[in-house]
C-alpha atoms as a PDB file:
ATOM      1  CA  MET A   1      55.935 377.631 121.617  1.00  0.00           C
ATOM      2  CA  LYS A   2      54.393 376.481 118.513  1.00  0.00           C
ATOM      3  CA  ASP A   3      50.650 377.063 118.588  1.00  0.00           C
ATOM      4  CA  ASN A   4      48.520 373.640 118.802  1.00  0.00           C
ATOM      5  CA  PRO A   5      45.877 373.838 115.988  1.00  0.00           C
ATOM      6  CA  LEU A   6      43.771 371.177 117.729  1.00  0.00           C
ATOM      7  CA  LYS A   7      43.173 373.708 120.703  1.00  0.00           C
ATOM      8  CA  LYS A   8      40.211 375.242 118.607  1.00  0.00           C
ATOM      9  CA  LYS A   9      38.873 371.869 117.977  1.00  0.00           C
ATOM     10  CA  LYS A  10      36.408 370.007 120.310  1.00  0.00           C
ATOM     11  CA  LEU A  11      37.007 366.611 121.153  1.00  0.00           C
ATOM     12  CA  ASP A  12      35.132 364.150 118.886  1.00  0.00           C
ATOM     13  CA  LEU A  13      35.197 360.432 119.886  1.00  0.00           C
ATOM     14  CA  LYS A  14      32.745 357.589 119.051  1.00  0.00           C
ATOM     15  CA  PHE A  15      32.595 354.441 120.911  1.00  0.00           C
ATOM     16  CA  VAL A  16      31.872 351.053 119.265  1.00  0.00           C
ATOM     17  CA  TYR A  17      31.244 348.085 121.260  1.00  0.00           C
ATOM     18  CA  SER A  18      31.544 344.562 119.923  1.00  0.00           C
ATOM     19  CA  ASP A  19      30.441 341.187 120.830  1.00  0.00           C
ATOM     20  CA  ASP A  20      33.906 339.949 121.057  1.00  0.00           C
ATOM     21  CA  LYS A  21      34.669 341.943 124.340  1.00  0.00           C
ATOM     22  CA  SER A  22      36.220 344.777 122.647  1.00  0.00           C
ATOM     23  CA  ILE A  23      35.710 348.677 122.431  1.00  0.00           C
ATOM     24  CA  GLY A  24      36.635 350.616 119.306  1.00  0.00           C
ATOM     25  CA  ILE A  25      37.283 354.529 119.791  1.00  0.00           C
ATOM     26  CA  VAL A  26      36.911 356.232 116.529  1.00  0.00           C
ATOM     27  CA  PHE A  27      38.697 359.524 116.135  1.00  0.00           C
ATOM     28  CA  SER A  28      37.482 362.247 113.443  1.00  0.00           C
ATOM     29  CA  ASP A  29      40.722 363.962 113.549  1.00  0.00           C
ATOM     30  CA  ASN A  30      43.964 361.705 112.427  1.00  0.00           C
ATOM     31  CA  ASN A  31      46.305 364.116 114.029  1.00  0.00           C
ATOM     32  CA  LEU A  32      44.688 363.750 117.474  1.00  0.00           C
ATOM     33  CA  LEU A  33      44.694 359.807 116.763  1.00  0.00           C
ATOM     34  CA  MET A  34      48.618 360.047 115.915  1.00  0.00           C
ATOM     35  CA  GLY A  35      49.188 362.265 118.867  1.00  0.00           C
ATOM     36  CA  VAL A  36      47.459 359.595 121.363  1.00  0.00           C
ATOM     37  CA  VAL A  37      48.962 356.645 119.714  1.00  0.00           C
ATOM     38  CA  GLY A  38      52.326 358.106 120.028  1.00  0.00           C
ATOM     39  CA  GLU A  39      55.362 357.451 118.011  1.00  0.00           C
ATOM     40  CA  PHE A  40      56.108 353.888 117.222  1.00  0.00           C
ATOM     41  CA  ASN A  41      52.736 353.141 119.173  1.00  0.00           C
ATOM     42  CA  ILE A  42      54.753 353.957 122.444  1.00  0.00           C
ATOM     43  CA  ASN A  43      51.625 355.270 124.385  1.00  0.00           C
ATOM     44  CA  LEU A  44      49.470 352.249 123.505  1.00  0.00           C
ATOM     45  CA  LYS A  45      52.129 350.021 124.789  1.00  0.00           C
ATOM     46  CA  GLU A  46      52.495 351.934 128.015  1.00  0.00           C
ATOM     47  CA  LEU A  47      48.730 351.700 128.488  1.00  0.00           C
ATOM     48  CA  GLU A  48      49.038 347.869 127.903  1.00  0.00           C
ATOM     49  CA  LYS A  49      51.688 347.285 130.468  1.00  0.00           C
ATOM     50  CA  LEU A  50      49.446 349.010 133.033  1.00  0.00           C
ATOM     51  CA  THR A  51      46.412 347.006 132.216  1.00  0.00           C
ATOM     52  CA  LYS A  52      45.165 343.717 131.058  1.00  0.00           C
ATOM     53  CA  THR A  53      44.321 344.630 127.705  1.00  0.00           C
ATOM     54  CA  THR A  54      45.497 344.455 124.209  1.00  0.00           C
ATOM     55  CA  ILE A  55      45.324 347.767 122.648  1.00  0.00           C
ATOM     56  CA  TYR A  56      46.053 348.596 118.743  1.00  0.00           C
ATOM     57  CA  PHE A  57      45.049 351.053 116.251  1.00  0.00           C
ATOM     58  CA  ARG A  58      43.616 350.400 112.613  1.00  0.00           C
ATOM     59  CA  GLY A  59      42.736 353.104 110.245  1.00  0.00           C
ATOM     60  CA  ASN A  60      40.998 355.929 112.304  1.00  0.00           C
ATOM     61  CA  SER A  61      40.391 353.764 115.310  1.00  0.00           C
ATOM     62  CA  ILE A  62      42.064 352.531 118.683  1.00  0.00           C
ATOM     63  CA  ILE A  63      40.803 348.945 119.619  1.00  0.00           C
ATOM     64  CA  ILE A  64      40.677 347.806 123.002  1.00  0.00           C
ATOM     65  CA  LYS A  65      40.254 344.076 123.831  1.00  0.00           C
ATOM     66  CA  GLY A  66      40.178 342.561 127.419  1.00  0.00           C
ATOM     67  CA  ALA A  67      37.616 342.201 130.241  1.00  0.00           C
ATOM     68  CA  ASN A  68      34.731 344.599 130.184  1.00  0.00           C
ATOM     69  CA  GLU A  69      35.880 346.662 133.231  1.00  0.00           C
ATOM     70  CA  ASP A  70      39.653 346.856 131.912  1.00  0.00           C
ATOM     71  CA  ASN A  71      38.149 347.972 128.686  1.00  0.00           C
ATOM     72  CA  GLU A  72      36.137 350.627 130.287  1.00  0.00           C
ATOM     73  CA  ILE A  73      39.114 351.939 132.357  1.00  0.00           C
ATOM     74  CA  VAL A  74      41.490 352.092 129.243  1.00  0.00           C
ATOM     75  CA  LYS A  75      38.431 353.997 127.185  1.00  0.00           C
ATOM     76  CA  ASP A  76      38.322 356.611 129.688  1.00  0.00           C
ATOM     77  CA  ALA A  77      41.962 356.955 130.014  1.00  0.00           C
ATOM     78  CA  ILE A  78      42.313 357.391 126.339  1.00  0.00           C
ATOM     79  CA  THR A  79      39.629 360.010 126.184  1.00  0.00           C
ATOM     80  CA  PHE A  80      41.373 361.900 128.921  1.00  0.00           C
ATOM     81  CA  LEU A  81      44.746 361.520 127.257  1.00  0.00           C
ATOM     82  CA  ALA A  82      43.098 362.909 123.955  1.00  0.00           C
ATOM     83  CA  GLU A  83      41.854 365.977 125.967  1.00  0.00           C
ATOM     84  CA  GLN A  84      45.404 366.188 127.202  1.00  0.00           C
ATOM     85  CA  PHE A  85      46.808 366.122 123.807  1.00  0.00           C
ATOM     86  CA  ILE A  86      44.444 368.863 122.663  1.00  0.00           C
ATOM     87  CA  SER A  87      45.233 371.065 125.568  1.00  0.00           C
ATOM     88  CA  ASN A  88      48.957 370.609 125.634  1.00  0.00           C
ATOM     89  CA  GLY A  89      50.059 369.138 122.206  1.00  0.00           C
ATOM     90  CA  SER A  90      51.855 366.195 123.761  1.00  0.00           C
ATOM     91  CA  ILE A  91      51.290 363.310 126.108  1.00  0.00           C
ATOM     92  CA  GLU A  92      54.096 362.333 128.649  1.00  0.00           C
ATOM     93  CA  LYS A  93      54.376 358.895 130.232  1.00  0.00           C
ATOM     94  CA  LYS A  94      53.308 360.616 133.604  1.00  0.00           C
ATOM     95  CA  ASP A  95      49.949 361.350 132.116  1.00  0.00           C
ATOM     96  CA  ILE A  96      49.525 357.826 130.956  1.00  0.00           C
ATOM     97  CA  ILE A  97      50.132 356.421 134.247  1.00  0.00           C
ATOM     98  CA  SER A  98      48.126 359.125 136.235  1.00  0.00           C
ATOM     99  CA  SER A  99      45.162 358.676 133.778  1.00  0.00           C
ATOM    100  CA  ILE A 100      45.005 354.862 134.620  1.00  0.00           C
ATOM    101  CA  ASN A 101      45.445 355.304 138.212  1.00  0.00           C
ATOM    102  CA  LYS A 102      42.503 357.888 138.073  1.00  0.00           C
ATOM    103  CA  PHE A 103      40.224 355.718 136.611  1.00  0.00           C
ATOM    104  CA  MET A 104      41.174 352.581 138.305  1.00  0.00           C
ATOM    105  CA  ILE A 105      40.583 354.459 141.444  1.00  0.00           C
ATOM    106  CA  GLU A 106      37.153 355.668 140.408  1.00  0.00           C
ATOM    107  CA  GLU A 107      36.327 352.277 139.470  1.00  0.00           C
ATOM    108  CA  LYS A 108      37.209 350.837 142.698  1.00  0.00           C
ATOM    109  CA  ASN A 109      35.201 353.608 144.618  1.00  0.00           C
ATOM    110  CA  ASN A 110      32.231 353.105 142.477  1.00  0.00           C
ATOM    111  CA  LYS A 111      32.287 349.370 143.141  1.00  0.00           C
ATOM    112  CA  SER A 112      32.711 349.975 146.934  1.00  0.00           C
ATOM    113  CA  LYS A 113      29.798 352.323 146.948  1.00  0.00           C
ATOM    114  CA  GLU A 114      27.577 349.778 144.762  1.00  0.00           C
ATOM    115  CA  ASN A 115      28.420 346.928 147.086  1.00  0.00           C
ATOM    116  CA  ILE A 116      28.338 348.414 150.728  1.00  0.00           C
ATOM    117  CA  GLU A 117      24.548 348.124 150.802  1.00  0.00           C
ATOM    118  CA  TYR A 118      24.915 344.175 150.494  1.00  0.00           C
ATOM    119  CA  ILE A 119      27.472 343.533 153.007  1.00  0.00           C
ATOM    120  CA  ILE A 120      26.365 341.896 155.963  1.00  0.00           C
ATOM    121  CA  LYS A 121      28.344 342.577 159.181  1.00  0.00           C
ATOM    122  CA  THR A 122      28.230 339.903 162.019  1.00  0.00           C
ATOM    123  CA  PRO A 123      30.566 339.572 164.980  1.00  0.00           C
ATOM    124  CA  LYS A 124      32.647 336.827 163.421  1.00  0.00           C
ATOM    125  CA  ARG A 125      32.828 337.838 159.723  1.00  0.00           C
ATOM    126  CA  SER A 126      31.347 340.106 157.015  1.00  0.00           C
ATOM    127  CA  VAL A 127      29.190 338.394 154.593  1.00  0.00           C
ATOM    128  CA  ILE A 128      29.266 339.657 151.071  1.00  0.00           C
ATOM    129  CA  PRO A 129      26.939 338.146 148.302  1.00  0.00           C
ATOM    130  CA  ARG A 130      28.946 336.731 145.404  1.00  0.00           C
ATOM    131  CA  SER A 131      26.521 336.844 142.567  1.00  0.00           C
ATOM    132  CA  GLU A 132      23.768 339.392 141.166  1.00  0.00           C
ATOM    133  CA  ARG A 133      21.040 336.879 142.210  1.00  0.00           C
ATOM    134  CA  GLN A 134      22.641 336.963 145.806  1.00  0.00           C
ATOM    135  CA  LYS A 135      22.604 340.645 145.951  1.00  0.00           C
ATOM    136  CA  LYS A 136      18.748 340.728 144.772  1.00  0.00           C
ATOM    137  CA  TYR A 137      18.403 338.124 147.663  1.00  0.00           C
ATOM    138  CA  VAL A 138      20.052 340.203 150.307  1.00  0.00           C
ATOM    139  CA  ARG A 139      17.947 343.077 149.165  1.00  0.00           C
ATOM    140  CA  ALA A 140      14.779 341.246 149.343  1.00  0.00           C
ATOM    141  CA  LEU A 141      15.710 339.911 152.754  1.00  0.00           C
ATOM    142  CA  LYS A 142      16.143 343.613 153.988  1.00  0.00           C
ATOM    143  CA  GLU A 143      13.200 345.131 152.225  1.00  0.00           C
ATOM    144  CA  SER A 144      10.308 342.594 152.011  1.00  0.00           C
ATOM    145  CA  ASP A 145       8.017 340.917 154.494  1.00  0.00           C
ATOM    146  CA  ILE A 146       8.041 337.518 153.023  1.00  0.00           C
ATOM    147  CA  ILE A 147      10.769 336.136 150.770  1.00  0.00           C
ATOM    148  CA  ILE A 148      10.517 332.990 148.885  1.00  0.00           C
ATOM    149  CA  SER A 149      13.876 331.556 147.267  1.00  0.00           C
ATOM    150  CA  ALA A 150      14.291 328.372 145.362  1.00  0.00           C
ATOM    151  CA  GLY A 151      17.587 326.796 144.006  1.00  0.00           C
ATOM    152  CA  PRO A 152      20.205 324.344 144.392  1.00  0.00           C
ATOM    153  CA  ALA A 153      22.374 323.443 147.376  1.00  0.00           C
ATOM    154  CA  GLY A 154      25.338 326.011 148.091  1.00  0.00           C
ATOM    155  CA  THR A 155      23.753 329.072 146.684  1.00  0.00           C
ATOM    156  CA  GLY A 156      23.701 330.826 149.980  1.00  0.00           C
ATOM    157  CA  LYS A 157      20.075 330.775 150.560  1.00  0.00           C
ATOM    158  CA  THR A 158      20.046 329.759 154.212  1.00  0.00           C
ATOM    159  CA  TYR A 159      23.204 331.176 155.120  1.00  0.00           C
ATOM    160  CA  LEU A 160      22.427 334.853 154.081  1.00  0.00           C
ATOM    161  CA  ALA A 161      19.179 334.418 155.656  1.00  0.00           C
ATOM    162  CA  VAL A 162      20.601 333.796 158.680  1.00  0.00           C
ATOM    163  CA  ALA A 163      23.146 336.237 158.439  1.00  0.00           C
ATOM    164  CA  VAL A 164      20.821 339.130 158.031  1.00  0.00           C
ATOM    165  CA  ALA A 165      18.327 337.795 160.726  1.00  0.00           C
ATOM    166  CA  LEU A 166      21.182 337.764 163.017  1.00  0.00           C
ATOM    167  CA  THR A 167      22.207 341.322 162.358  1.00  0.00           C
ATOM    168  CA  MET A 168      18.767 342.358 162.757  1.00  0.00           C
ATOM    169  CA  LEU A 169      18.589 340.801 166.263  1.00  0.00           C
ATOM    170  CA  LEU A 170      21.752 342.337 167.480  1.00  0.00           C
ATOM    171  CA  GLU A 171      20.760 345.624 166.351  1.00  0.00           C
ATOM    172  CA  LYS A 172      17.550 345.096 168.205  1.00  0.00           C
ATOM    173  CA  LYS A 173      15.402 345.470 165.080  1.00  0.00           C
ATOM    174  CA  ILE A 174      13.468 342.209 166.017  1.00  0.00           C
ATOM    175  CA  GLU A 175      13.318 340.437 169.299  1.00  0.00           C
ATOM    176  CA  ARG A 176      13.537 336.705 167.985  1.00  0.00           C
ATOM    177  CA  ILE A 177      14.919 334.459 165.397  1.00  0.00           C
ATOM    178  CA  ILE A 178      12.880 331.320 164.598  1.00  0.00           C
ATOM    179  CA  LEU A 179      14.577 328.755 162.342  1.00  0.00           C
ATOM    180  CA  SER A 180      12.440 325.740 161.218  1.00  0.00           C
ATOM    181  CA  ARG A 181      12.757 322.634 158.984  1.00  0.00           C
ATOM    182  CA  PRO A 182      10.283 319.954 158.036  1.00  0.00           C
ATOM    183  CA  ALA A 183      11.611 316.875 159.954  1.00  0.00           C
ATOM    184  CA  VAL A 184      11.541 314.694 156.736  1.00  0.00           C
ATOM    185  CA  GLU A 185      14.725 313.324 155.521  1.00  0.00           C
ATOM    186  CA  ALA A 186      15.275 310.318 153.283  1.00  0.00           C
ATOM    187  CA  GLY A 187      12.419 308.306 154.483  1.00  0.00           C
ATOM    188  CA  GLU A 188      13.273 308.256 158.136  1.00  0.00           C
ATOM    189  CA  ARG A 189      10.781 308.877 160.749  1.00  0.00           C
ATOM    190  CA  LEU A 190      11.125 310.824 163.886  1.00  0.00           C
ATOM    191  CA  GLY A 191       9.769 307.728 166.264  1.00  0.00           C
ATOM    192  CA  PHE A 192      12.703 305.223 165.091  1.00  0.00           C
ATOM    193  CA  LEU A 193      15.111 307.633 166.258  1.00  0.00           C
ATOM    194  CA  PRO A 194      16.476 307.324 169.954  1.00  0.00           C
ATOM    195  CA  GLY A 195      16.224 310.228 172.799  1.00  0.00           C
ATOM    196  CA  ASP A 196      13.566 312.917 173.658  1.00  0.00           C
ATOM    197  CA  MET A 197      11.965 315.334 171.123  1.00  0.00           C
ATOM    198  CA  LYS A 198      14.963 317.536 171.184  1.00  0.00           C
ATOM    199  CA  GLU A 199      17.404 314.803 170.659  1.00  0.00           C
ATOM    200  CA  LYS A 200      14.961 313.397 167.773  1.00  0.00           C
ATOM    201  CA  VAL A 201      14.652 316.660 165.876  1.00  0.00           C
ATOM    202  CA  ASP A 202      18.124 318.121 166.341  1.00  0.00           C
ATOM    203  CA  PRO A 203      20.154 316.048 163.446  1.00  0.00           C
ATOM    204  CA  TYR A 204      17.560 317.706 161.029  1.00  0.00           C
ATOM    205  CA  LEU A 205      18.251 321.054 162.234  1.00  0.00           C
ATOM    206  CA  ARG A 206      21.843 320.803 162.195  1.00  0.00           C
ATOM    207  CA  PRO A 207      22.747 322.899 159.281  1.00  0.00           C
ATOM    208  CA  LEU A 208      20.746 325.973 161.056  1.00  0.00           C
ATOM    209  CA  TYR A 209      23.095 325.511 163.967  1.00  0.00           C
ATOM    210  CA  ASP A 210      25.953 325.393 161.705  1.00  0.00           C
ATOM    211  CA  SER A 211      25.193 328.791 159.820  1.00  0.00           C
ATOM    212  CA  LEU A 212      24.748 330.379 163.445  1.00  0.00           C
ATOM    213  CA  TYR A 213      28.052 329.219 164.556  1.00  0.00           C
ATOM    214  CA  ASP A 214      29.759 330.361 161.777  1.00  0.00           C
ATOM    215  CA  LEU A 215      28.349 333.911 162.336  1.00  0.00           C
ATOM    216  CA  LEU A 216      28.694 334.204 166.109  1.00  0.00           C
ATOM    217  CA  ASP A 217      30.618 332.673 168.964  1.00  0.00           C
ATOM    218  CA  PHE A 218      29.418 329.249 170.251  1.00  0.00           C
ATOM    219  CA  GLU A 219      28.769 330.299 173.835  1.00  0.00           C
ATOM    220  CA  LYS A 220      26.677 333.429 172.544  1.00  0.00           C
ATOM    221  CA  ILE A 221      24.349 331.506 170.537  1.00  0.00           C
ATOM    222  CA  GLN A 222      23.879 328.963 173.255  1.00  0.00           C
ATOM    223  CA  LYS A 223      23.016 331.702 175.725  1.00  0.00           C
ATOM    224  CA  ARG A 224      20.494 333.254 172.696  1.00  0.00           C
ATOM    225  CA  ILE A 225      18.996 329.751 172.523  1.00  0.00           C
ATOM    226  CA  GLU A 226      18.521 329.349 176.358  1.00  0.00           C
ATOM    227  CA  ILE A 227      16.720 332.899 176.879  1.00  0.00           C
ATOM    228  CA  GLY A 228      14.524 332.262 173.619  1.00  0.00           C
ATOM    229  CA  ASP A 229      16.036 335.140 171.473  1.00  0.00           C
ATOM    230  CA  ILE A 230      16.784 332.077 168.969  1.00  0.00           C
ATOM    231  CA  GLU A 231      14.514 329.241 168.553  1.00  0.00           C
ATOM    232  CA  ILE A 232      15.145 326.101 166.371  1.00  0.00           C
ATOM    233  CA  ALA A 233      12.424 323.794 165.814  1.00  0.00           C
ATOM    234  CA  PRO A 234      10.538 321.680 163.263  1.00  0.00           C
ATOM    235  CA  ILE A 235       7.893 323.330 161.199  1.00  0.00           C
ATOM    236  CA  ALA A 236       5.080 321.211 163.398  1.00  0.00           C
ATOM    237  CA  PHE A 237       5.838 323.457 166.221  1.00  0.00           C
ATOM    238  CA  MET A 238       4.744 326.646 164.622  1.00  0.00           C
ATOM    239  CA  ARG A 239       0.912 325.835 164.343  1.00  0.00           C
ATOM    240  CA  GLY A 240      -1.327 328.179 166.272  1.00  0.00           C
ATOM    241  CA  ARG A 241       1.273 330.616 166.953  1.00  0.00           C
ATOM    242  CA  THR A 242       1.560 334.308 165.857  1.00  0.00           C
ATOM    243  CA  LEU A 243       5.258 335.506 165.524  1.00  0.00           C
ATOM    244  CA  LYS A 244       5.705 339.238 166.316  1.00  0.00           C
ATOM    245  CA  ASN A 245       8.922 341.081 166.081  1.00  0.00           C
ATOM    246  CA  SER A 246      10.439 338.022 164.643  1.00  0.00           C
ATOM    247  CA  PHE A 247      12.662 336.792 161.830  1.00  0.00           C
ATOM    248  CA  ALA A 248      11.398 333.276 160.775  1.00  0.00           C
ATOM    249  CA  ILE A 249      13.063 331.011 158.160  1.00  0.00           C
ATOM    250  CA  LEU A 250      11.605 327.787 156.722  1.00  0.00           C
ATOM    251  CA  ASP A 251      14.580 325.987 155.331  1.00  0.00           C
ATOM    252  CA  GLU A 252      14.286 322.871 153.208  1.00  0.00           C
ATOM    253  CA  ALA A 253      10.999 323.984 152.235  1.00  0.00           C
ATOM    254  CA  GLN A 254      10.818 321.567 149.199  1.00  0.00           C
ATOM    255  CA  ASN A 255       9.871 318.838 152.017  1.00  0.00           C
ATOM    256  CA  ALA A 256       6.961 320.947 153.483  1.00  0.00           C
ATOM    257  CA  THR A 257       3.571 320.361 152.142  1.00  0.00           C
ATOM    258  CA  ASP A 258       1.287 322.999 150.463  1.00  0.00           C
ATOM    259  CA  THR A 259      -0.732 322.859 153.852  1.00  0.00           C
ATOM    260  CA  GLN A 260       2.480 323.351 156.152  1.00  0.00           C
ATOM    261  CA  ILE A 261       3.870 326.147 153.862  1.00  0.00           C
ATOM    262  CA  LYS A 262       0.529 328.046 154.124  1.00  0.00           C
ATOM    263  CA  MET A 263       0.335 327.629 157.940  1.00  0.00           C
ATOM    264  CA  PHE A 264       4.064 328.895 158.245  1.00  0.00           C
ATOM    265  CA  LEU A 265       3.412 331.970 156.278  1.00  0.00           C
ATOM    266  CA  THR A 266       0.114 332.847 157.914  1.00  0.00           C
ATOM    267  CA  ARG A 267       2.117 332.931 161.283  1.00  0.00           C
ATOM    268  CA  ILE A 268       3.570 336.434 160.438  1.00  0.00           C
ATOM    269  CA  GLY A 269       2.536 339.024 162.774  1.00  0.00           C
ATOM    270  CA  GLU A 270       3.642 342.717 163.342  1.00  0.00           C
ATOM    271  CA  ASN A 271       7.320 343.598 162.611  1.00  0.00           C
ATOM    272  CA  SER A 272       8.188 340.358 161.254  1.00  0.00           C
ATOM    273  CA  LYS A 273       9.590 338.655 158.205  1.00  0.00           C
ATOM    274  CA  ILE A 274       9.398 335.328 157.003  1.00  0.00           C
ATOM    275  CA  VAL A 275      11.660 333.412 154.533  1.00  0.00           C
ATOM    276  CA  ILE A 276      10.959 330.275 152.804  1.00  0.00           C
ATOM    277  CA  ASN A 277      13.734 328.374 151.139  1.00  0.00           C
ATOM    278  CA  GLY A 278      14.102 325.256 149.221  1.00  0.00           C
ATOM    279  CA  ASP A 279      15.546 323.202 146.666  1.00  0.00           C
ATOM    280  CA  PRO A 280      12.809 321.673 144.212  1.00  0.00           C
ATOM    281  CA  SER A 281      15.343 318.984 143.024  1.00  0.00           C
ATOM    282  CA  GLN A 282      15.851 317.631 146.329  1.00  0.00           C
ATOM    283  CA  ILE A 283      12.223 316.375 147.462  1.00  0.00           C
ATOM    284  CA  ASP A 284      12.192 313.911 150.030  1.00  0.00           C
ATOM    285  CA  LEU A 285       8.372 313.449 150.659  1.00  0.00           C
ATOM    286  CA  PRO A 286       6.967 310.070 149.706  1.00  0.00           C
ATOM    287  CA  ASN A 287       4.908 311.759 147.121  1.00  0.00           C
ATOM    288  CA  LYS A 288       6.706 314.569 145.371  1.00  0.00           C
ATOM    289  CA  SER A 289       3.649 316.006 144.168  1.00  0.00           C
ATOM    290  CA  GLN A 290       2.720 317.107 147.971  1.00  0.00           C
ATOM    291  CA  SER A 291       5.761 319.581 147.729  1.00  0.00           C
ATOM    292  CA  GLY A 292       4.345 323.335 148.574  1.00  0.00           C
ATOM    293  CA  LEU A 293       7.518 325.142 147.407  1.00  0.00           C
ATOM    294  CA  ASN A 294       6.713 325.641 143.819  1.00  0.00           C
ATOM    295  CA  ARG A 295       2.850 326.129 144.356  1.00  0.00           C
ATOM    296  CA  SER A 296       3.768 329.027 146.769  1.00  0.00           C
ATOM    297  CA  LYS A 297       5.803 330.732 144.247  1.00  0.00           C
ATOM    298  CA  LYS A 298       3.110 330.735 141.643  1.00  0.00           C
ATOM    299  CA  LEU A 299       0.318 331.552 144.005  1.00  0.00           C
ATOM    300  CA  LEU A 300       2.018 334.483 145.936  1.00  0.00           C
ATOM    301  CA  GLY A 301       4.966 335.861 143.513  1.00  0.00           C
ATOM    302  CA  HIS A 302       2.735 338.721 142.142  1.00  0.00           C
ATOM    303  CA  LEU A 303       2.260 340.431 145.484  1.00  0.00           C
ATOM    304  CA  LYS A 304       4.375 343.306 146.063  1.00  0.00           C
ATOM    305  CA  GLU A 305       5.042 342.592 149.742  1.00  0.00           C
ATOM    306  CA  ILE A 306       6.583 339.100 148.520  1.00  0.00           C
ATOM    307  CA  SER A 307       9.689 338.606 146.814  1.00  0.00           C
ATOM    308  CA  VAL A 308      10.610 335.508 144.888  1.00  0.00           C
ATOM    309  CA  VAL A 309      14.313 334.819 144.010  1.00  0.00           C
ATOM    310  CA  ASP A 310      15.367 331.803 141.762  1.00  0.00           C
ATOM    311  CA  PHE A 311      18.968 330.579 141.763  1.00  0.00           C
ATOM    312  CA  ASP A 312      20.839 328.400 139.707  1.00  0.00           C
ATOM    313  CA  HIS A 313      24.155 326.404 139.594  1.00  0.00           C
ATOM    314  CA  THR A 314      25.878 329.773 138.671  1.00  0.00           C
ATOM    315  CA  ASP A 315      25.265 330.855 142.228  1.00  0.00           C
ATOM    316  CA  VAL A 316      26.786 328.111 143.876  1.00  0.00           C
ATOM    317  CA  VAL A 317      29.445 329.453 146.167  1.00  0.00           C
ATOM    318  CA  ARG A 318      30.663 325.828 147.393  1.00  0.00           C
ATOM    319  CA  HIS A 319      33.696 323.959 145.778  1.00  0.00           C
ATOM    320  CA  PRO A 320      33.806 324.747 142.126  1.00  0.00           C
ATOM    321  CA  LEU A 321      32.696 321.044 141.383  1.00  0.00           C
ATOM    322  CA  VAL A 322      29.399 321.720 143.406  1.00  0.00           C
ATOM    323  CA  SER A 323      28.273 324.024 140.359  1.00  0.00           C
ATOM    324  CA  LYS A 324      29.305 321.460 137.754  1.00  0.00           C
ATOM    325  CA  ILE A 325      27.480 318.371 139.661  1.00  0.00           C
ATOM    326  CA  VAL A 326      24.238 320.678 140.022  1.00  0.00           C
ATOM    327  CA  LYS A 327      24.580 321.604 136.205  1.00  0.00           C
ATOM    328  CA  ALA A 328      25.157 318.106 135.157  1.00  0.00           C
ATOM    329  CA  TYR A 329      22.080 316.740 137.014  1.00  0.00           C
ATOM    330  CA  SER A 330      19.863 319.758 136.015  1.00  0.00           C
ATOM    331  CA  ASP A 331      21.001 318.896 132.297  1.00  0.00           C
ATOM    332  CA  GLN A 332      19.914 315.481 132.548  1.00  0.00           C
ATOM    333  CA  ASN A 333      16.634 316.158 134.092  1.00  0.00           C
ATOM    334  CA  ASN A 334      15.816 318.661 131.312  1.00  0.00           C
ATOM    335  CA  ASP A 335      16.646 315.948 128.423  1.00  0.00           C
END
């Protein structure tokens, strides 16, 4: 067998990342380049078949163009094939297939390891954050004592908080979940609604019930409510209490006044968490300047025990149109 002159050489490749979502691999040795490319570009064509990328060579470089993750897989595969060519003096089709499989599996495993800490497992479903800000929010829900989040409807603020709270309750890390909202909606007043106090406030708290029922069976939720493990009440019911071993969530906080939010935050007791969620663009208070959500962010955001997470339309996880609607209104308000 003819000796391979490249065996004595070290692999010398440079990687150039461009703004057009491409990676250039620059070869210092043209013989190695041609070995990797293959006769009539056959190796590059095989790599293209196995991935969602376009690959070609120009001068002393191989150019990979595609999605960032795919580009990285092909870059690693080409590096691997270059090492194969230096060692063996040839590249076979099986080498190309195994190189792509190797790095696709590694990428998948890395993603799984990266995401596993963010998965929230509830009895009915596993909840997985869908954006980087949602991941940041879930991490804050697990690590911080107080979390303040603001952003448009559909970004998962309430749902993710309820999911984390429910898992902590079921794992006995806390003794009680408290879900609260200001009873302010579109100018209506509780006194004008029929029924006793529970019947008056339940319509305002319905979204909180919906989140619970989506994560745990109806009967189990009802039982937890009956024995007091889960409490759902207007913010006015929180005054004068100290919440120990609890996970308290104030939803629709844009409709809470500065005084109400201060009162709710200062309920925190031993081994407890408090979450404040709201959408500053949907204030229903008669005087919008009374809303305490943005003020709480400004006053408390610098404290290390408090996490502040701001969502925008890119974090919306409802129907795709919701994101476009939110952005359209946001753009108009900024004009």
